[in-house]
Amino acid sequence: MLSENKTQARPFIKWVGGKTQLLDEIKKSLPSDFATRQHLTYVEPFVGGGAVMFWILQAYPNIERAVINDINEELICTYRVIKESAEKLISALSIIQAEYIPLNAEARKDYFMEKRAMFNTKKTSPIETAALFIFLNRTCFNGLYRVNAKGEFNVPHGKYANPRICDADNLRACSEILQKVEILCGDFAQTGHYAGPDTLFYFDPPYKPITETSSFTSYTKEGFNDAEQIRLRDFCTQISKDKALFVASNSDPKEINPKEDFLDSIYKHFNIKRVSAARMINSDASGRGAISELMISNVVNA
């Protein structure tokens, strides 16, 4: 348990599809004896903003080690910098915050575009990359991460009155949690060799779009289509044969089209339940609200 004056580590970036709102449902999907098991390994192949990872490693101290992975090189660079060089990152972000906050709206946009261009050169040091990644995330439109066909970050400037660019206490808390985390960058399948009877995987892949305009899978230029969804299902099947447990989240296309059974069909041999989540990525507030999502697992005693 954390002491009252100790900062609870939480995601250091905003992330589309972040799972903070679904932590209770994920907890319900875990084995009933999860808190008392020993020598556990936690693996998250699509770590994103890390909401589940930061929560589970603090809620279940019996997890002895963790492995996180993502295909986004800049995101993983940021995780590694926070783990290894948190104070240097805090210094870099403090400078950016001191420069950005006093500017007027037009100057802020110019500053943002300058930093975005610098970020897209991919020639910055790891500390600079991490600082730019967090700055752009905190000041871009809706906290999106989207790239174009060239792999360049292309989200426009947001209009936040007082964005918190440098949250030093949280970055230090995140760094402490990450000390027992192995950080990988690449395809999700590379995490397969961690599968075993004492391993729990949590999957939060790019969701299957439920409408033609709802795809936010372009967080990499390669995208994540139906073939990738099937490959992920095959991966879940394989790690299940290795006796690993898994919980996975995805969209619920049936909410829009009751006849759409792609995900229900490919995961028919696993447990599927529908849970309510908030839709927060629509630029029009009237388009936000509760939405059904799928929670898929091979846990039989949850």
C-alpha atoms as a PDB file:
ATOM      1  CA  MET A   1       0.000   0.000   0.000  1.00  0.00           C
ATOM      2  CA  LEU A   2       1.144   3.551  -0.743  1.00  0.00           C
ATOM      3  CA  SER A   3       1.569   5.975   2.134  1.00  0.00           C
ATOM      4  CA  GLU A   4      -0.801   8.931   2.215  1.00  0.00           C
ATOM      5  CA  ASN A   5       1.871  11.379   1.104  1.00  0.00           C
ATOM      6  CA  LYS A   6       3.164   9.265  -1.743  1.00  0.00           C
ATOM      7  CA  THR A   7       2.046  10.086  -5.281  1.00  0.00           C
ATOM      8  CA  GLN A   8       0.006   7.380  -6.976  1.00  0.00           C
ATOM      9  CA  ALA A   9       1.567   6.770 -10.391  1.00  0.00           C
ATOM     10  CA  ARG A  10      -0.862   7.363 -13.242  1.00  0.00           C
ATOM     11  CA  PRO A  11      -0.523   7.720 -17.030  1.00  0.00           C
ATOM     12  CA  PHE A  12       1.843  10.555 -17.950  1.00  0.00           C
ATOM     13  CA  ILE A  13       0.070  11.164 -21.262  1.00  0.00           C
ATOM     14  CA  LYS A  14      -3.470  11.343 -22.547  1.00  0.00           C
ATOM     15  CA  TRP A  15      -4.213   8.403 -24.827  1.00  0.00           C
ATOM     16  CA  VAL A  16      -7.176   7.592 -27.049  1.00  0.00           C
ATOM     17  CA  GLY A  17      -8.833   4.486 -25.653  1.00  0.00           C
ATOM     18  CA  GLY A  18      -7.108   4.779 -22.283  1.00  0.00           C
ATOM     19  CA  LYS A  19      -8.532   2.233 -19.874  1.00  0.00           C
ATOM     20  CA  THR A  20      -8.767   4.202 -16.612  1.00  0.00           C
ATOM     21  CA  GLN A  21     -12.569   4.085 -16.827  1.00  0.00           C
ATOM     22  CA  LEU A  22     -12.582   0.286 -17.264  1.00  0.00           C
ATOM     23  CA  LEU A  23     -10.270  -0.712 -14.411  1.00  0.00           C
ATOM     24  CA  ASP A  24     -13.148  -2.067 -12.309  1.00  0.00           C
ATOM     25  CA  GLU A  25     -14.319  -4.262 -15.198  1.00  0.00           C
ATOM     26  CA  ILE A  26     -10.784  -5.499 -15.827  1.00  0.00           C
ATOM     27  CA  LYS A  27     -10.458  -6.321 -12.127  1.00  0.00           C
ATOM     28  CA  LYS A  28     -13.656  -8.377 -12.341  1.00  0.00           C
ATOM     29  CA  SER A  29     -12.124 -10.318 -15.237  1.00  0.00           C
ATOM     30  CA  LEU A  30      -9.084 -11.432 -13.232  1.00  0.00           C
ATOM     31  CA  PRO A  31      -8.944 -14.826 -11.487  1.00  0.00           C
ATOM     32  CA  SER A  32     -10.590 -14.724  -8.062  1.00  0.00           C
ATOM     33  CA  ASP A  33      -7.307 -15.706  -6.387  1.00  0.00           C
ATOM     34  CA  PHE A  34      -5.123 -13.320  -8.385  1.00  0.00           C
ATOM     35  CA  ALA A  35      -4.141 -11.224  -5.351  1.00  0.00           C
ATOM     36  CA  THR A  36      -2.706 -14.252  -3.532  1.00  0.00           C
ATOM     37  CA  ARG A  37      -0.805 -15.888  -6.368  1.00  0.00           C
ATOM     38  CA  GLN A  38       2.975 -15.724  -6.225  1.00  0.00           C
ATOM     39  CA  HIS A  39       5.759 -15.244  -8.799  1.00  0.00           C
ATOM     40  CA  LEU A  40       3.441 -13.528 -11.254  1.00  0.00           C
ATOM     41  CA  THR A  41       4.500 -11.866 -14.488  1.00  0.00           C
ATOM     42  CA  TYR A  42       2.332  -9.192 -16.124  1.00  0.00           C
ATOM     43  CA  VAL A  43       2.639  -8.565 -19.881  1.00  0.00           C
ATOM     44  CA  GLU A  44       1.011  -5.752 -21.849  1.00  0.00           C
ATOM     45  CA  PRO A  45       1.834  -5.976 -25.577  1.00  0.00           C
ATOM     46  CA  PHE A  46      -0.006  -2.731 -26.535  1.00  0.00           C
ATOM     47  CA  VAL A  47       0.860  -0.543 -23.565  1.00  0.00           C
ATOM     48  CA  GLY A  48      -0.279   2.834 -24.922  1.00  0.00           C
ATOM     49  CA  GLY A  49      -0.807   5.253 -22.049  1.00  0.00           C
ATOM     50  CA  GLY A  50      -0.245   2.514 -19.490  1.00  0.00           C
ATOM     51  CA  ALA A  51      -3.375   3.027 -17.372  1.00  0.00           C
ATOM     52  CA  VAL A  52      -3.816  -0.688 -16.713  1.00  0.00           C
ATOM     53  CA  MET A  53      -0.115  -1.303 -16.164  1.00  0.00           C
ATOM     54  CA  PHE A  54       0.310   1.503 -13.610  1.00  0.00           C
ATOM     55  CA  TRP A  55      -2.874   0.441 -11.819  1.00  0.00           C
ATOM     56  CA  ILE A  56      -2.206  -3.294 -11.678  1.00  0.00           C
ATOM     57  CA  LEU A  57       1.415  -2.992 -10.518  1.00  0.00           C
ATOM     58  CA  GLN A  58       0.313  -0.808  -7.603  1.00  0.00           C
ATOM     59  CA  ALA A  59      -2.842  -2.773  -6.788  1.00  0.00           C
ATOM     60  CA  TYR A  60      -1.120  -6.183  -6.877  1.00  0.00           C
ATOM     61  CA  PRO A  61       2.354  -6.052  -5.304  1.00  0.00           C
ATOM     62  CA  ASN A  62       2.559  -9.848  -5.714  1.00  0.00           C
ATOM     63  CA  ILE A  63       3.379  -9.247  -9.399  1.00  0.00           C
ATOM     64  CA  GLU A  64       7.139  -9.764  -9.398  1.00  0.00           C
ATOM     65  CA  ARG A  65       7.920  -8.488 -12.873  1.00  0.00           C
ATOM     66  CA  ALA A  66       6.236  -6.846 -15.807  1.00  0.00           C
ATOM     67  CA  VAL A  67       6.860  -6.530 -19.527  1.00  0.00           C
ATOM     68  CA  ILE A  68       5.412  -3.768 -21.673  1.00  0.00           C
ATOM     69  CA  ASN A  69       5.605  -3.360 -25.426  1.00  0.00           C
ATOM     70  CA  ASP A  70       4.379  -1.036 -28.121  1.00  0.00           C
ATOM     71  CA  ILE A  71       5.174  -0.536 -31.776  1.00  0.00           C
ATOM     72  CA  ASN A  72       5.318   3.251 -31.311  1.00  0.00           C
ATOM     73  CA  GLU A  73       9.053   4.003 -31.057  1.00  0.00           C
ATOM     74  CA  GLU A  74       8.645   7.494 -29.603  1.00  0.00           C
ATOM     75  CA  LEU A  75       6.226   6.268 -26.959  1.00  0.00           C
ATOM     76  CA  ILE A  76       8.601   3.505 -25.897  1.00  0.00           C
ATOM     77  CA  CYS A  77      11.518   5.937 -25.905  1.00  0.00           C
ATOM     78  CA  THR A  78       9.515   8.062 -23.454  1.00  0.00           C
ATOM     79  CA  TYR A  79       8.862   5.119 -21.145  1.00  0.00           C
ATOM     80  CA  ARG A  80      12.569   4.281 -21.126  1.00  0.00           C
ATOM     81  CA  VAL A  81      13.583   7.859 -20.409  1.00  0.00           C
ATOM     82  CA  ILE A  82      11.116   8.067 -17.528  1.00  0.00           C
ATOM     83  CA  LYS A  83      12.523   4.830 -16.123  1.00  0.00           C
ATOM     84  CA  GLU A  84      16.199   5.724 -16.531  1.00  0.00           C
ATOM     85  CA  SER A  85      16.442   9.545 -16.602  1.00  0.00           C
ATOM     86  CA  ALA A  86      13.365  11.022 -14.959  1.00  0.00           C
ATOM     87  CA  GLU A  87      15.130  14.065 -13.501  1.00  0.00           C
ATOM     88  CA  LYS A  88      16.660  15.062 -16.838  1.00  0.00           C
ATOM     89  CA  LEU A  89      13.245  14.743 -18.462  1.00  0.00           C
ATOM     90  CA  ILE A  90      11.659  16.873 -15.735  1.00  0.00           C
ATOM     91  CA  SER A  91      14.279  19.582 -16.345  1.00  0.00           C
ATOM     92  CA  ALA A  92      13.614  19.557 -20.108  1.00  0.00           C
ATOM     93  CA  LEU A  93       9.834  19.719 -19.634  1.00  0.00           C
ATOM     94  CA  SER A  94      10.164  22.520 -17.082  1.00  0.00           C
ATOM     95  CA  ILE A  95      11.970  24.634 -19.662  1.00  0.00           C
ATOM     96  CA  ILE A  96       9.318  23.945 -22.311  1.00  0.00           C
ATOM     97  CA  GLN A  97       6.524  24.737 -19.856  1.00  0.00           C
ATOM     98  CA  ALA A  98       8.161  28.015 -18.819  1.00  0.00           C
ATOM     99  CA  GLU A  99       8.516  29.028 -22.471  1.00  0.00           C
ATOM    100  CA  TYR A 100       5.047  27.969 -23.631  1.00  0.00           C
ATOM    101  CA  ILE A 101       2.616  28.988 -20.885  1.00  0.00           C
ATOM    102  CA  PRO A 102       3.216  32.819 -21.005  1.00  0.00           C
ATOM    103  CA  LEU A 103       2.643  32.983 -24.796  1.00  0.00           C
ATOM    104  CA  ASN A 104      -0.537  34.278 -26.394  1.00  0.00           C
ATOM    105  CA  ALA A 105      -2.706  31.990 -28.535  1.00  0.00           C
ATOM    106  CA  GLU A 106      -0.995  32.725 -31.845  1.00  0.00           C
ATOM    107  CA  ALA A 107       2.503  32.423 -30.398  1.00  0.00           C
ATOM    108  CA  ARG A 108       1.557  29.174 -28.681  1.00  0.00           C
ATOM    109  CA  LYS A 109       0.465  27.695 -31.999  1.00  0.00           C
ATOM    110  CA  ASP A 110       3.738  28.765 -33.639  1.00  0.00           C
ATOM    111  CA  TYR A 111       5.713  27.258 -30.752  1.00  0.00           C
ATOM    112  CA  PHE A 112       3.737  24.021 -31.046  1.00  0.00           C
ATOM    113  CA  MET A 113       4.335  23.779 -34.806  1.00  0.00           C
ATOM    114  CA  GLU A 114       8.052  24.401 -34.311  1.00  0.00           C
ATOM    115  CA  LYS A 115       8.292  21.636 -31.722  1.00  0.00           C
ATOM    116  CA  ARG A 116       6.198  19.291 -33.878  1.00  0.00           C
ATOM    117  CA  ALA A 117       8.555  19.816 -36.799  1.00  0.00           C
ATOM    118  CA  MET A 118      11.539  19.137 -34.534  1.00  0.00           C
ATOM    119  CA  PHE A 119       9.883  15.950 -33.238  1.00  0.00           C
ATOM    120  CA  ASN A 120       9.252  14.732 -36.793  1.00  0.00           C
ATOM    121  CA  THR A 121      12.917  15.029 -37.783  1.00  0.00           C
ATOM    122  CA  LYS A 122      13.503  11.915 -35.633  1.00  0.00           C
ATOM    123  CA  LYS A 123      16.998  13.269 -34.992  1.00  0.00           C
ATOM    124  CA  THR A 124      16.499  14.387 -31.406  1.00  0.00           C
ATOM    125  CA  SER A 125      18.158  12.770 -28.387  1.00  0.00           C
ATOM    126  CA  PRO A 126      16.115  10.377 -26.223  1.00  0.00           C
ATOM    127  CA  ILE A 127      15.588  13.086 -23.583  1.00  0.00           C
ATOM    128  CA  GLU A 128      14.493  15.601 -26.231  1.00  0.00           C
ATOM    129  CA  THR A 129      12.240  13.022 -27.904  1.00  0.00           C
ATOM    130  CA  ALA A 130      10.513  12.192 -24.623  1.00  0.00           C
ATOM    131  CA  ALA A 131      10.079  15.860 -23.700  1.00  0.00           C
ATOM    132  CA  LEU A 132       8.648  16.693 -27.113  1.00  0.00           C
ATOM    133  CA  PHE A 133       6.389  13.638 -27.028  1.00  0.00           C
ATOM    134  CA  ILE A 134       4.847  14.680 -23.709  1.00  0.00           C
ATOM    135  CA  PHE A 135       4.624  18.361 -24.690  1.00  0.00           C
ATOM    136  CA  LEU A 136       2.873  17.591 -27.976  1.00  0.00           C
ATOM    137  CA  ASN A 137       0.522  15.169 -26.247  1.00  0.00           C
ATOM    138  CA  ARG A 138      -0.411  17.742 -23.616  1.00  0.00           C
ATOM    139  CA  THR A 139      -0.986  20.577 -26.100  1.00  0.00           C
ATOM    140  CA  CYS A 140      -2.298  18.926 -29.272  1.00  0.00           C
ATOM    141  CA  PHE A 141      -5.961  18.568 -30.224  1.00  0.00           C
ATOM    142  CA  ASN A 142      -7.758  16.126 -27.885  1.00  0.00           C
ATOM    143  CA  GLY A 143      -4.488  14.441 -26.880  1.00  0.00           C
ATOM    144  CA  LEU A 144      -4.565  12.330 -30.047  1.00  0.00           C
ATOM    145  CA  TYR A 145      -1.600  10.457 -31.463  1.00  0.00           C
ATOM    146  CA  ARG A 146      -1.920  10.158 -35.215  1.00  0.00           C
ATOM    147  CA  VAL A 147       0.646   9.854 -37.968  1.00  0.00           C
ATOM    148  CA  ASN A 148       0.515  10.308 -41.730  1.00  0.00           C
ATOM    149  CA  ALA A 149       1.738   7.914 -44.434  1.00  0.00           C
ATOM    150  CA  LYS A 150       5.298   9.102 -43.831  1.00  0.00           C
ATOM    151  CA  GLY A 151       5.048   8.276 -40.144  1.00  0.00           C
ATOM    152  CA  GLU A 152       4.994  11.949 -39.157  1.00  0.00           C
ATOM    153  CA  PHE A 153       2.942  13.152 -36.204  1.00  0.00           C
ATOM    154  CA  ASN A 154       0.311  15.439 -37.716  1.00  0.00           C
ATOM    155  CA  VAL A 155      -2.227  16.300 -34.990  1.00  0.00           C
ATOM    156  CA  PRO A 156      -2.982  20.065 -34.903  1.00  0.00           C
ATOM    157  CA  HIS A 157      -2.517  22.388 -31.959  1.00  0.00           C
ATOM    158  CA  GLY A 158      -5.125  22.293 -29.192  1.00  0.00           C
ATOM    159  CA  LYS A 159      -6.507  25.240 -27.270  1.00  0.00           C
ATOM    160  CA  TYR A 160      -5.935  24.523 -23.588  1.00  0.00           C
ATOM    161  CA  ALA A 161      -5.754  27.486 -21.251  1.00  0.00           C
ATOM    162  CA  ASN A 162      -3.261  26.043 -18.791  1.00  0.00           C
ATOM    163  CA  PRO A 163      -1.993  22.588 -19.803  1.00  0.00           C
ATOM    164  CA  ARG A 164       0.161  20.777 -17.248  1.00  0.00           C
ATOM    165  CA  ILE A 165       3.213  20.000 -19.324  1.00  0.00           C
ATOM    166  CA  CYS A 166       5.556  19.029 -16.490  1.00  0.00           C
ATOM    167  CA  ASP A 167       4.029  16.920 -13.722  1.00  0.00           C
ATOM    168  CA  ALA A 168       7.233  16.206 -11.838  1.00  0.00           C
ATOM    169  CA  ASP A 169       5.677  14.267  -8.945  1.00  0.00           C
ATOM    170  CA  ASN A 170       3.864  11.890 -11.272  1.00  0.00           C
ATOM    171  CA  LEU A 171       6.908  11.369 -13.497  1.00  0.00           C
ATOM    172  CA  ARG A 172       8.948  10.383 -10.427  1.00  0.00           C
ATOM    173  CA  ALA A 173       6.176   8.019  -9.286  1.00  0.00           C
ATOM    174  CA  CYS A 174       6.017   6.470 -12.764  1.00  0.00           C
ATOM    175  CA  SER A 175       9.790   6.066 -12.786  1.00  0.00           C
ATOM    176  CA  GLU A 176       9.634   4.168  -9.505  1.00  0.00           C
ATOM    177  CA  ILE A 177       6.989   1.767 -10.824  1.00  0.00           C
ATOM    178  CA  LEU A 178       8.911   1.226 -14.060  1.00  0.00           C
ATOM    179  CA  GLN A 179      12.024   0.005 -12.256  1.00  0.00           C
ATOM    180  CA  LYS A 180      10.664  -3.551 -12.322  1.00  0.00           C
ATOM    181  CA  VAL A 181       9.337  -3.310 -15.869  1.00  0.00           C
ATOM    182  CA  GLU A 182      11.080  -4.612 -18.983  1.00  0.00           C
ATOM    183  CA  ILE A 183      10.340  -2.236 -21.864  1.00  0.00           C
ATOM    184  CA  LEU A 184      10.175  -3.589 -25.421  1.00  0.00           C
ATOM    185  CA  CYS A 185       9.477  -1.955 -28.776  1.00  0.00           C
ATOM    186  CA  GLY A 186       8.065  -3.843 -31.718  1.00  0.00           C
ATOM    187  CA  ASP A 187       5.349  -6.223 -32.829  1.00  0.00           C
ATOM    188  CA  PHE A 188       3.090  -7.620 -30.107  1.00  0.00           C
ATOM    189  CA  ALA A 189       4.028 -11.194 -31.033  1.00  0.00           C
ATOM    190  CA  GLN A 190       7.516 -10.797 -29.589  1.00  0.00           C
ATOM    191  CA  THR A 191       6.020 -11.002 -26.103  1.00  0.00           C
ATOM    192  CA  GLY A 192       4.920 -14.591 -26.679  1.00  0.00           C
ATOM    193  CA  HIS A 193       7.937 -16.186 -25.051  1.00  0.00           C
ATOM    194  CA  TYR A 194       6.832 -14.783 -21.675  1.00  0.00           C
ATOM    195  CA  ALA A 195       3.703 -16.956 -21.770  1.00  0.00           C
ATOM    196  CA  GLY A 196       3.416 -19.495 -18.979  1.00  0.00           C
ATOM    197  CA  PRO A 197       1.196 -20.631 -16.090  1.00  0.00           C
ATOM    198  CA  ASP A 198       2.134 -17.629 -13.928  1.00  0.00           C
ATOM    199  CA  THR A 199       1.686 -14.968 -16.614  1.00  0.00           C
ATOM    200  CA  LEU A 200      -1.201 -12.591 -17.203  1.00  0.00           C
ATOM    201  CA  PHE A 201      -1.469 -10.755 -20.530  1.00  0.00           C
ATOM    202  CA  TYR A 202      -3.647  -7.693 -20.997  1.00  0.00           C
ATOM    203  CA  PHE A 203      -4.356  -6.677 -24.605  1.00  0.00           C
ATOM    204  CA  ASP A 204      -5.596  -3.236 -25.593  1.00  0.00           C
ATOM    205  CA  PRO A 205      -5.014  -3.303 -29.366  1.00  0.00           C
ATOM    206  CA  PRO A 206      -6.135  -0.663 -31.848  1.00  0.00           C
ATOM    207  CA  TYR A 207      -9.879  -1.225 -31.863  1.00  0.00           C
ATOM    208  CA  LYS A 208     -11.829  -2.520 -34.819  1.00  0.00           C
ATOM    209  CA  PRO A 209     -13.628   0.588 -36.183  1.00  0.00           C
ATOM    210  CA  ILE A 210     -17.382   0.458 -35.620  1.00  0.00           C
ATOM    211  CA  THR A 211     -18.128   3.102 -38.280  1.00  0.00           C
ATOM    212  CA  GLU A 212     -16.338   4.315 -41.389  1.00  0.00           C
ATOM    213  CA  THR A 213     -15.291   7.507 -39.599  1.00  0.00           C
ATOM    214  CA  SER A 214     -14.325   6.036 -36.227  1.00  0.00           C
ATOM    215  CA  SER A 215     -10.931   4.554 -37.049  1.00  0.00           C
ATOM    216  CA  PHE A 216      -8.183   5.693 -34.727  1.00  0.00           C
ATOM    217  CA  THR A 217      -5.874   2.835 -35.691  1.00  0.00           C
ATOM    218  CA  SER A 218      -3.444   5.150 -37.505  1.00  0.00           C
ATOM    219  CA  TYR A 219      -1.268   5.547 -34.441  1.00  0.00           C
ATOM    220  CA  THR A 220       1.245   3.853 -36.739  1.00  0.00           C
ATOM    221  CA  LYS A 221       1.436   4.221 -40.497  1.00  0.00           C
ATOM    222  CA  GLU A 222       0.863   0.455 -40.887  1.00  0.00           C
ATOM    223  CA  GLY A 223      -2.587   0.459 -39.287  1.00  0.00           C
ATOM    224  CA  PHE A 224      -4.320  -2.539 -37.692  1.00  0.00           C
ATOM    225  CA  ASN A 225      -6.836  -4.239 -39.984  1.00  0.00           C
ATOM    226  CA  ASP A 226      -8.971  -7.379 -39.719  1.00  0.00           C
ATOM    227  CA  ALA A 227      -6.045  -9.601 -40.637  1.00  0.00           C
ATOM    228  CA  GLU A 228      -4.149  -8.157 -37.677  1.00  0.00           C
ATOM    229  CA  GLN A 229      -7.159  -8.744 -35.429  1.00  0.00           C
ATOM    230  CA  ILE A 230      -7.147 -12.398 -36.499  1.00  0.00           C
ATOM    231  CA  ARG A 231      -3.404 -12.644 -35.918  1.00  0.00           C
ATOM    232  CA  LEU A 232      -3.973 -11.314 -32.402  1.00  0.00           C
ATOM    233  CA  ARG A 233      -6.699 -13.945 -31.858  1.00  0.00           C
ATOM    234  CA  ASP A 234      -4.242 -16.631 -32.978  1.00  0.00           C
ATOM    235  CA  PHE A 235      -1.705 -15.236 -30.505  1.00  0.00           C
ATOM    236  CA  CYS A 236      -4.279 -15.447 -27.708  1.00  0.00           C
ATOM    237  CA  THR A 237      -4.933 -19.060 -28.682  1.00  0.00           C
ATOM    238  CA  GLN A 238      -1.225 -19.867 -28.566  1.00  0.00           C
ATOM    239  CA  ILE A 239      -0.541 -18.308 -25.167  1.00  0.00           C
ATOM    240  CA  SER A 240      -3.618 -20.089 -23.820  1.00  0.00           C
ATOM    241  CA  LYS A 241      -2.030 -23.378 -24.879  1.00  0.00           C
ATOM    242  CA  ASP A 242       1.017 -22.243 -22.887  1.00  0.00           C
ATOM    243  CA  LYS A 243      -1.282 -21.917 -19.838  1.00  0.00           C
ATOM    244  CA  ALA A 244      -1.057 -18.117 -19.700  1.00  0.00           C
ATOM    245  CA  LEU A 245      -4.101 -16.057 -18.759  1.00  0.00           C
ATOM    246  CA  PHE A 246      -5.290 -13.125 -20.832  1.00  0.00           C
ATOM    247  CA  VAL A 247      -7.834 -10.333 -20.801  1.00  0.00           C
ATOM    248  CA  ALA A 248      -8.431  -8.278 -23.953  1.00  0.00           C
ATOM    249  CA  SER A 249     -10.475  -5.205 -24.761  1.00  0.00           C
ATOM    250  CA  ASN A 250     -11.986  -4.269 -28.108  1.00  0.00           C
ATOM    251  CA  SER A 251     -14.857  -2.356 -29.663  1.00  0.00           C
ATOM    252  CA  ASP A 252     -18.358  -3.768 -29.964  1.00  0.00           C
ATOM    253  CA  PRO A 253     -19.416  -3.406 -33.614  1.00  0.00           C
ATOM    254  CA  LYS A 254     -22.813  -4.918 -32.780  1.00  0.00           C
ATOM    255  CA  GLU A 255     -23.775  -1.645 -31.126  1.00  0.00           C
ATOM    256  CA  ILE A 256     -23.940  -0.043 -34.573  1.00  0.00           C
ATOM    257  CA  ASN A 257     -24.759  -3.110 -36.638  1.00  0.00           C
ATOM    258  CA  PRO A 258     -26.395  -6.028 -34.776  1.00  0.00           C
ATOM    259  CA  LYS A 259     -25.424  -8.341 -37.641  1.00  0.00           C
ATOM    260  CA  GLU A 260     -21.714  -7.535 -37.338  1.00  0.00           C
ATOM    261  CA  ASP A 261     -20.247 -10.577 -35.603  1.00  0.00           C
ATOM    262  CA  PHE A 262     -16.585 -10.488 -36.692  1.00  0.00           C
ATOM    263  CA  LEU A 263     -15.105 -10.231 -33.191  1.00  0.00           C
ATOM    264  CA  ASP A 264     -17.764 -12.461 -31.610  1.00  0.00           C
ATOM    265  CA  SER A 265     -16.987 -15.055 -34.261  1.00  0.00           C
ATOM    266  CA  ILE A 266     -13.208 -15.071 -34.080  1.00  0.00           C
ATOM    267  CA  TYR A 267     -13.216 -15.145 -30.257  1.00  0.00           C
ATOM    268  CA  LYS A 268     -16.119 -17.597 -29.935  1.00  0.00           C
ATOM    269  CA  HIS A 269     -13.974 -20.113 -28.033  1.00  0.00           C
ATOM    270  CA  PHE A 270     -13.198 -17.570 -25.305  1.00  0.00           C
ATOM    271  CA  ASN A 271     -15.306 -15.732 -22.756  1.00  0.00           C
ATOM    272  CA  ILE A 272     -16.881 -12.542 -24.126  1.00  0.00           C
ATOM    273  CA  LYS A 273     -18.792  -9.979 -22.131  1.00  0.00           C
ATOM    274  CA  ARG A 274     -20.044  -6.531 -22.984  1.00  0.00           C
ATOM    275  CA  VAL A 275     -19.197  -3.620 -20.705  1.00  0.00           C
ATOM    276  CA  SER A 276     -20.122   0.050 -20.755  1.00  0.00           C
ATOM    277  CA  ALA A 277     -17.422   2.627 -21.459  1.00  0.00           C
ATOM    278  CA  ALA A 278     -17.410   6.361 -22.144  1.00  0.00           C
ATOM    279  CA  ARG A 279     -16.760   7.564 -25.668  1.00  0.00           C
ATOM    280  CA  MET A 280     -14.439  10.563 -25.281  1.00  0.00           C
ATOM    281  CA  ILE A 281     -12.748  11.038 -28.670  1.00  0.00           C
ATOM    282  CA  ASN A 282     -15.510  12.716 -30.642  1.00  0.00           C
ATOM    283  CA  SER A 283     -14.731  16.399 -31.264  1.00  0.00           C
ATOM    284  CA  ASP A 284     -18.463  17.096 -30.959  1.00  0.00           C
ATOM    285  CA  ALA A 285     -19.529  16.781 -27.321  1.00  0.00           C
ATOM    286  CA  SER A 286     -22.958  15.547 -28.412  1.00  0.00           C
ATOM    287  CA  GLY A 287     -21.242  12.516 -29.950  1.00  0.00           C
ATOM    288  CA  ARG A 288     -19.746  11.451 -26.650  1.00  0.00           C
ATOM    289  CA  GLY A 289     -21.374   9.199 -24.097  1.00  0.00           C
ATOM    290  CA  ALA A 290     -21.698   5.574 -23.018  1.00  0.00           C
ATOM    291  CA  ILE A 291     -20.718   2.905 -25.523  1.00  0.00           C
ATOM    292  CA  SER A 292     -20.488  -0.854 -25.358  1.00  0.00           C
ATOM    293  CA  GLU A 293     -17.059  -2.516 -25.494  1.00  0.00           C
ATOM    294  CA  LEU A 294     -15.988  -6.150 -25.479  1.00  0.00           C
ATOM    295  CA  MET A 295     -14.013  -7.754 -22.681  1.00  0.00           C
ATOM    296  CA  ILE A 296     -12.552 -11.054 -23.898  1.00  0.00           C
ATOM    297  CA  SER A 297     -10.662 -13.541 -21.735  1.00  0.00           C
ATOM    298  CA  ASN A 298      -9.690 -17.139 -21.109  1.00  0.00           C
ATOM    299  CA  VAL A 299     -10.220 -16.761 -17.366  1.00  0.00           C
ATOM    300  CA  VAL A 300     -12.813 -19.326 -16.279  1.00  0.00           C
ATOM    301  CA  ASN A 301     -13.217 -18.560 -12.563  1.00  0.00           C
ATOM    302  CA  ALA A 302     -13.569 -14.749 -12.650  1.00  0.00           C
END
